[in-house]
Amino acid sequence: MDFTKDSTPQQQPATFKGYMASLTLHHDRVDITRKLIGKIGGARNATIHLANVPKVQYQEPNRLTNGYIYFADLTDPARITAWNTDTNKQVAGNSHAIMFTWQQRDTFAKARNAIEAAVARFADRATEK
C-alpha cells in the first residue's frame, strides 16, 4: 500500500527505440538517450519536461526519408527542417528530436499516440491547478 502524499497512480515509463536513440516517456518528462554513434552529429542525451513543451512536431517515416518526433522547447525554434544548413536546427543534430526509419514506423505510431496522450493528460492537470 502506498501512503505518499500524492496518491494518484503514476504510469510506468514507456520506452520506444528509434534510430540510434531511445525515447522514454514518463508521466512528466521525456528522456532521449543516444548511442555513442548517434552523438556524432551534435545531438546529446536530453531530458525534456512536458511543462516546457508548447508543441510536438511529427514527421512520419516513409520509404525515402526518416521520420522524427521533435519536442519544441521554449528555447528552441517552433519548427525544424531536415534540409537546414544550421547544425543546431537539423533533425539529426537536435537533442530534442528522435528519428525513426521506415522499418520502425509501427514504433513511431505507438510513440506518437503515447506522447499525444501524455501531453493531453499533462495539459489537463496543468489547467486544473
N, C-alpha and C. Protein backbone atom coordinates (compact mmCIF):
# COMPACT_ATOMS: atom_id res chain seq x y z
N MET A 1 0.83 -1.17 0.00
CA MET A 1 0.00 0.00 0.00
C MET A 1 0.89 1.25 0.00
N ASP A 2 0.54 2.21 -0.81
CA ASP A 2 1.33 3.43 -0.95
C ASP A 2 0.69 4.55 -0.14
N PHE A 3 1.45 5.08 0.83
CA PHE A 3 0.94 6.14 1.70
C PHE A 3 1.59 7.49 1.42
N THR A 4 2.03 7.72 0.22
CA THR A 4 2.64 9.00 -0.13
C THR A 4 1.58 10.08 -0.21
N LYS A 5 2.02 11.34 -0.14
CA LYS A 5 1.08 12.47 -0.18
C LYS A 5 0.27 12.48 -1.47
N ASP A 6 0.94 12.32 -2.59
CA ASP A 6 0.25 12.31 -3.88
C ASP A 6 -0.14 10.88 -4.19
N SER A 7 -1.38 10.54 -3.95
CA SER A 7 -1.80 9.15 -4.09
C SER A 7 -2.30 8.82 -5.49
N THR A 8 -2.16 9.74 -6.43
CA THR A 8 -2.57 9.44 -7.80
C THR A 8 -1.58 8.44 -8.40
N PRO A 9 -2.06 7.38 -9.02
CA PRO A 9 -1.15 6.38 -9.56
C PRO A 9 -0.36 6.95 -10.74
N GLN A 10 0.94 6.68 -10.75
CA GLN A 10 1.81 7.14 -11.83
C GLN A 10 1.96 6.00 -12.84
N GLN A 11 1.91 6.33 -14.09
CA GLN A 11 2.10 5.32 -15.12
C GLN A 11 3.56 4.92 -15.19
N GLN A 12 3.77 3.68 -15.56
CA GLN A 12 5.13 3.19 -15.74
C GLN A 12 5.72 3.84 -16.99
N PRO A 13 7.02 4.12 -16.97
CA PRO A 13 7.65 4.70 -18.16
C PRO A 13 7.55 3.75 -19.35
N ALA A 14 7.34 4.32 -20.52
CA ALA A 14 7.29 3.55 -21.77
C ALA A 14 8.51 3.92 -22.60
N THR A 15 9.20 2.93 -23.12
CA THR A 15 10.41 3.16 -23.91
C THR A 15 10.16 2.75 -25.36
N PHE A 16 10.60 3.62 -26.27
CA PHE A 16 10.47 3.39 -27.71
C PHE A 16 11.85 3.52 -28.34
N LYS A 17 12.25 2.52 -29.12
CA LYS A 17 13.57 2.54 -29.75
C LYS A 17 13.47 3.18 -31.12
N GLY A 18 14.20 4.26 -31.30
CA GLY A 18 14.28 4.93 -32.58
C GLY A 18 15.60 4.62 -33.26
N TYR A 19 15.95 5.46 -34.23
CA TYR A 19 17.18 5.29 -34.98
C TYR A 19 18.35 5.86 -34.18
N MET A 20 19.21 4.99 -33.67
CA MET A 20 20.38 5.33 -32.87
C MET A 20 20.04 6.09 -31.58
N ALA A 21 18.81 5.93 -31.10
CA ALA A 21 18.40 6.59 -29.86
C ALA A 21 17.16 5.90 -29.32
N SER A 22 16.90 6.11 -28.04
CA SER A 22 15.70 5.59 -27.40
C SER A 22 14.99 6.73 -26.70
N LEU A 23 13.67 6.66 -26.71
CA LEU A 23 12.83 7.67 -26.07
C LEU A 23 12.09 6.99 -24.92
N THR A 24 12.22 7.53 -23.71
CA THR A 24 11.50 7.01 -22.56
C THR A 24 10.51 8.07 -22.12
N LEU A 25 9.25 7.71 -22.13
CA LEU A 25 8.18 8.64 -21.78
C LEU A 25 7.74 8.38 -20.35
N HIS A 26 7.94 9.38 -19.49
CA HIS A 26 7.50 9.35 -18.11
C HIS A 26 6.22 10.18 -18.01
N HIS A 27 5.60 10.24 -16.85
CA HIS A 27 4.36 10.99 -16.71
C HIS A 27 4.58 12.50 -16.81
N ASP A 28 5.79 12.99 -16.54
CA ASP A 28 6.04 14.43 -16.55
C ASP A 28 7.19 14.87 -17.44
N ARG A 29 7.89 13.91 -18.05
CA ARG A 29 9.06 14.25 -18.85
C ARG A 29 9.33 13.18 -19.90
N VAL A 30 10.24 13.53 -20.80
CA VAL A 30 10.71 12.61 -21.84
C VAL A 30 12.22 12.57 -21.75
N ASP A 31 12.78 11.38 -21.74
CA ASP A 31 14.23 11.21 -21.77
C ASP A 31 14.62 10.64 -23.12
N ILE A 32 15.54 11.30 -23.80
CA ILE A 32 16.08 10.79 -25.06
C ILE A 32 17.53 10.39 -24.80
N THR A 33 17.82 9.10 -25.00
CA THR A 33 19.15 8.56 -24.76
C THR A 33 19.72 8.11 -26.09
N ARG A 34 20.92 8.56 -26.40
CA ARG A 34 21.53 8.25 -27.69
C ARG A 34 22.72 7.31 -27.51
N LYS A 35 22.92 6.48 -28.53
CA LYS A 35 24.12 5.66 -28.59
C LYS A 35 25.29 6.58 -28.91
N LEU A 36 26.49 6.10 -28.69
CA LEU A 36 27.68 6.91 -28.95
C LEU A 36 27.73 7.40 -30.39
N ILE A 37 27.43 6.54 -31.34
CA ILE A 37 27.47 6.95 -32.75
C ILE A 37 26.36 7.97 -33.05
N GLY A 38 25.28 7.95 -32.31
CA GLY A 38 24.20 8.91 -32.51
C GLY A 38 24.54 10.31 -32.03
N LYS A 39 25.63 10.43 -31.28
CA LYS A 39 26.05 11.74 -30.76
C LYS A 39 27.02 12.46 -31.71
N ILE A 40 27.44 11.79 -32.76
CA ILE A 40 28.43 12.36 -33.67
C ILE A 40 27.90 13.61 -34.37
N GLY A 41 26.62 13.64 -34.71
CA GLY A 41 26.04 14.79 -35.40
C GLY A 41 25.82 16.01 -34.52
N GLY A 42 26.15 15.90 -33.23
CA GLY A 42 26.00 17.05 -32.34
C GLY A 42 24.87 16.90 -31.34
N ALA A 43 23.99 15.92 -31.53
CA ALA A 43 22.88 15.71 -30.59
C ALA A 43 23.42 15.05 -29.33
N ARG A 44 22.81 15.34 -28.21
CA ARG A 44 23.20 14.78 -26.93
C ARG A 44 21.99 14.13 -26.28
N ASN A 45 22.22 13.43 -25.18
CA ASN A 45 21.11 12.93 -24.39
C ASN A 45 20.34 14.11 -23.85
N ALA A 46 19.04 13.97 -23.70
CA ALA A 46 18.22 15.10 -23.26
C ALA A 46 17.10 14.63 -22.35
N THR A 47 16.78 15.48 -21.39
CA THR A 47 15.58 15.31 -20.57
C THR A 47 14.72 16.53 -20.83
N ILE A 48 13.51 16.29 -21.30
CA ILE A 48 12.60 17.38 -21.69
C ILE A 48 11.36 17.29 -20.81
N HIS A 49 11.10 18.31 -20.04
CA HIS A 49 9.93 18.35 -19.17
C HIS A 49 8.71 18.78 -19.99
N LEU A 50 7.64 18.05 -19.86
CA LEU A 50 6.44 18.33 -20.66
C LEU A 50 5.87 19.71 -20.35
N ALA A 51 6.15 20.25 -19.19
CA ALA A 51 5.68 21.60 -18.85
C ALA A 51 6.33 22.66 -19.73
N ASN A 52 7.51 22.37 -20.28
CA ASN A 52 8.25 23.31 -21.11
C ASN A 52 8.07 23.08 -22.61
N VAL A 53 7.13 22.21 -22.99
CA VAL A 53 6.94 21.86 -24.39
C VAL A 53 5.64 22.45 -24.91
N PRO A 54 5.71 23.55 -25.66
CA PRO A 54 4.48 24.12 -26.21
C PRO A 54 3.94 23.35 -27.41
N LYS A 55 4.84 22.59 -28.11
CA LYS A 55 4.42 21.90 -29.33
C LYS A 55 5.31 20.69 -29.57
N VAL A 56 4.70 19.63 -30.07
CA VAL A 56 5.45 18.45 -30.51
C VAL A 56 5.24 18.33 -32.01
N GLN A 57 6.32 18.26 -32.75
CA GLN A 57 6.25 18.17 -34.21
C GLN A 57 6.55 16.74 -34.63
N TYR A 58 5.73 16.21 -35.53
CA TYR A 58 5.88 14.84 -36.02
C TYR A 58 6.09 14.83 -37.52
N GLN A 59 6.97 13.95 -37.98
CA GLN A 59 7.13 13.68 -39.40
C GLN A 59 7.16 12.16 -39.54
N GLU A 60 6.16 11.60 -40.20
CA GLU A 60 6.09 10.15 -40.32
C GLU A 60 7.19 9.64 -41.25
N PRO A 61 7.78 8.49 -40.92
CA PRO A 61 8.80 7.92 -41.81
C PRO A 61 8.15 7.38 -43.08
N ASN A 62 8.86 7.53 -44.17
CA ASN A 62 8.41 6.92 -45.42
C ASN A 62 9.58 6.18 -46.05
N ARG A 63 9.38 5.65 -47.23
CA ARG A 63 10.44 4.84 -47.84
C ARG A 63 11.67 5.66 -48.24
N LEU A 64 11.50 6.95 -48.41
CA LEU A 64 12.63 7.79 -48.85
C LEU A 64 13.32 8.53 -47.72
N THR A 65 12.56 8.93 -46.69
CA THR A 65 13.15 9.72 -45.61
C THR A 65 12.75 9.16 -44.25
N ASN A 66 13.62 9.39 -43.28
CA ASN A 66 13.31 9.01 -41.91
C ASN A 66 12.27 9.96 -41.34
N GLY A 67 11.52 9.46 -40.40
CA GLY A 67 10.57 10.30 -39.69
C GLY A 67 11.20 10.76 -38.38
N TYR A 68 10.53 11.66 -37.69
CA TYR A 68 11.06 12.13 -36.42
C TYR A 68 9.95 12.65 -35.53
N ILE A 69 10.26 12.72 -34.26
CA ILE A 69 9.43 13.38 -33.26
C ILE A 69 10.31 14.45 -32.64
N TYR A 70 9.84 15.67 -32.67
CA TYR A 70 10.61 16.82 -32.18
C TYR A 70 9.82 17.52 -31.09
N PHE A 71 10.43 17.68 -29.94
CA PHE A 71 9.83 18.37 -28.81
C PHE A 71 10.32 19.81 -28.80
N ALA A 72 9.47 20.72 -29.23
CA ALA A 72 9.84 22.14 -29.28
C ALA A 72 9.83 22.68 -27.86
N ASP A 73 10.98 23.03 -27.37
CA ASP A 73 11.13 23.61 -26.04
C ASP A 73 10.93 25.11 -26.13
N LEU A 74 10.78 25.76 -25.01
CA LEU A 74 10.60 27.21 -25.02
C LEU A 74 11.80 27.94 -25.59
N THR A 75 12.99 27.31 -25.55
CA THR A 75 14.21 27.94 -26.07
C THR A 75 14.52 27.54 -27.50
N ASP A 76 13.83 26.53 -28.03
CA ASP A 76 14.08 26.05 -29.39
C ASP A 76 13.15 26.73 -30.38
N PRO A 77 13.50 26.65 -31.66
CA PRO A 77 12.56 27.15 -32.66
C PRO A 77 11.31 26.29 -32.68
N ALA A 78 10.21 26.84 -33.11
CA ALA A 78 8.94 26.12 -33.13
C ALA A 78 8.92 25.03 -34.20
N ARG A 79 9.78 25.15 -35.21
CA ARG A 79 9.78 24.17 -36.29
C ARG A 79 11.22 23.95 -36.75
N ILE A 80 11.54 22.70 -37.04
CA ILE A 80 12.84 22.39 -37.61
C ILE A 80 12.62 21.76 -38.97
N THR A 81 13.63 21.83 -39.80
CA THR A 81 13.55 21.25 -41.12
C THR A 81 14.74 20.33 -41.33
N ALA A 82 14.59 19.36 -42.18
CA ALA A 82 15.66 18.39 -42.42
C ALA A 82 16.78 18.98 -43.28
N TRP A 83 16.48 19.99 -44.07
CA TRP A 83 17.47 20.50 -45.02
C TRP A 83 18.00 21.87 -44.64
N ASN A 84 18.09 22.15 -43.37
CA ASN A 84 18.60 23.43 -42.90
C ASN A 84 20.12 23.35 -42.80
N THR A 85 20.82 24.41 -43.11
CA THR A 85 22.27 24.41 -43.02
C THR A 85 22.77 24.66 -41.61
N ASP A 86 21.94 25.20 -40.73
CA ASP A 86 22.32 25.44 -39.35
C ASP A 86 22.27 24.11 -38.59
N THR A 87 23.42 23.64 -38.09
CA THR A 87 23.51 22.34 -37.44
C THR A 87 22.58 22.22 -36.24
N ASN A 88 22.37 23.30 -35.50
CA ASN A 88 21.52 23.24 -34.31
C ASN A 88 20.06 23.02 -34.66
N LYS A 89 19.66 23.31 -35.89
CA LYS A 89 18.26 23.19 -36.29
C LYS A 89 17.97 21.94 -37.13
N GLN A 90 18.99 21.17 -37.45
CA GLN A 90 18.78 19.96 -38.22
C GLN A 90 18.17 18.90 -37.32
N VAL A 91 17.41 18.03 -37.89
CA VAL A 91 16.77 16.97 -37.12
C VAL A 91 17.81 16.07 -36.48
N ALA A 92 18.77 15.60 -37.24
CA ALA A 92 19.76 14.66 -36.72
C ALA A 92 20.68 15.30 -35.68
N GLY A 93 20.84 16.59 -35.73
CA GLY A 93 21.73 17.27 -34.78
C GLY A 93 21.01 17.91 -33.62
N ASN A 94 19.70 17.73 -33.53
CA ASN A 94 18.94 18.38 -32.47
C ASN A 94 18.71 17.39 -31.33
N SER A 95 19.07 17.79 -30.12
CA SER A 95 18.94 16.92 -28.95
C SER A 95 17.50 16.67 -28.55
N HIS A 96 16.57 17.49 -29.02
CA HIS A 96 15.16 17.35 -28.66
C HIS A 96 14.37 16.58 -29.72
N ALA A 97 15.07 15.92 -30.64
CA ALA A 97 14.41 15.16 -31.69
C ALA A 97 14.93 13.73 -31.69
N ILE A 98 14.06 12.82 -32.06
CA ILE A 98 14.45 11.42 -32.23
C ILE A 98 13.93 10.96 -33.59
N MET A 99 14.77 10.22 -34.31
CA MET A 99 14.43 9.80 -35.66
C MET A 99 13.96 8.35 -35.68
N PHE A 100 13.13 8.03 -36.68
CA PHE A 100 12.62 6.68 -36.89
C PHE A 100 12.75 6.33 -38.36
N THR A 101 13.17 5.09 -38.65
CA THR A 101 13.30 4.63 -40.02
C THR A 101 11.97 4.06 -40.50
N TRP A 102 11.91 3.72 -41.79
CA TRP A 102 10.71 3.12 -42.37
C TRP A 102 10.36 1.80 -41.66
N GLN A 103 11.38 1.03 -41.30
CA GLN A 103 11.14 -0.23 -40.60
C GLN A 103 10.61 -0.01 -39.18
N GLN A 104 10.80 1.17 -38.62
CA GLN A 104 10.36 1.49 -37.27
C GLN A 104 9.05 2.28 -37.26
N ARG A 105 8.29 2.25 -38.34
CA ARG A 105 7.08 3.07 -38.43
C ARG A 105 6.01 2.65 -37.43
N ASP A 106 5.96 1.36 -37.07
CA ASP A 106 4.99 0.92 -36.05
C ASP A 106 5.38 1.49 -34.68
N THR A 107 6.66 1.48 -34.38
CA THR A 107 7.13 2.06 -33.13
C THR A 107 6.88 3.56 -33.11
N PHE A 108 7.08 4.22 -34.26
CA PHE A 108 6.79 5.65 -34.37
C PHE A 108 5.33 5.93 -34.04
N ALA A 109 4.42 5.13 -34.60
CA ALA A 109 2.99 5.34 -34.38
C ALA A 109 2.63 5.13 -32.90
N LYS A 110 3.19 4.10 -32.27
CA LYS A 110 2.92 3.86 -30.85
C LYS A 110 3.48 5.00 -30.00
N ALA A 111 4.69 5.46 -30.33
CA ALA A 111 5.28 6.57 -29.58
C ALA A 111 4.46 7.85 -29.74
N ARG A 112 4.02 8.12 -30.96
CA ARG A 112 3.22 9.31 -31.21
C ARG A 112 1.92 9.28 -30.40
N ASN A 113 1.22 8.14 -30.40
CA ASN A 113 -0.02 8.02 -29.65
C ASN A 113 0.21 8.20 -28.15
N ALA A 114 1.28 7.59 -27.63
CA ALA A 114 1.59 7.71 -26.20
C ALA A 114 1.96 9.14 -25.82
N ILE A 115 2.72 9.81 -26.69
CA ILE A 115 3.13 11.19 -26.41
C ILE A 115 1.93 12.12 -26.45
N GLU A 116 1.07 11.95 -27.45
CA GLU A 116 -0.12 12.80 -27.54
C GLU A 116 -1.01 12.62 -26.31
N ALA A 117 -1.15 11.39 -25.84
CA ALA A 117 -1.95 11.13 -24.64
C ALA A 117 -1.30 11.75 -23.41
N ALA A 118 0.02 11.63 -23.29
CA ALA A 118 0.72 12.19 -22.13
C ALA A 118 0.65 13.71 -22.13
N VAL A 119 0.81 14.33 -23.29
CA VAL A 119 0.73 15.79 -23.38
C VAL A 119 -0.67 16.26 -23.02
N ALA A 120 -1.68 15.53 -23.49
CA ALA A 120 -3.07 15.90 -23.16
C ALA A 120 -3.34 15.75 -21.67
N ARG A 121 -2.86 14.64 -21.06
CA ARG A 121 -3.04 14.46 -19.61
C ARG A 121 -2.31 15.54 -18.83
N PHE A 122 -1.10 15.86 -19.28
CA PHE A 122 -0.32 16.89 -18.58
C PHE A 122 -0.99 18.25 -18.70
N ALA A 123 -1.53 18.56 -19.87
CA ALA A 123 -2.22 19.84 -20.07
C ALA A 123 -3.47 19.91 -19.21
N ASP A 124 -4.20 18.78 -19.09
CA ASP A 124 -5.39 18.74 -18.25
C ASP A 124 -5.06 18.98 -16.79
N ARG A 125 -3.95 18.35 -16.32
CA ARG A 125 -3.53 18.55 -14.94
C ARG A 125 -3.09 19.99 -14.70
N ALA A 126 -2.44 20.58 -15.68
CA ALA A 126 -1.97 21.95 -15.52
C ALA A 126 -3.14 22.94 -15.45
N THR A 127 -4.20 22.68 -16.18
CA THR A 127 -5.34 23.59 -16.15
C THR A 127 -6.16 23.42 -14.89
N GLU A 128 -6.10 22.24 -14.26
CA GLU A 128 -6.82 22.02 -13.02
C GLU A 128 -6.24 22.81 -11.86
N LYS A 129 -4.95 23.05 -11.90
CA LYS A 129 -4.28 23.73 -10.77
C LYS A 129 -4.45 25.21 -10.82
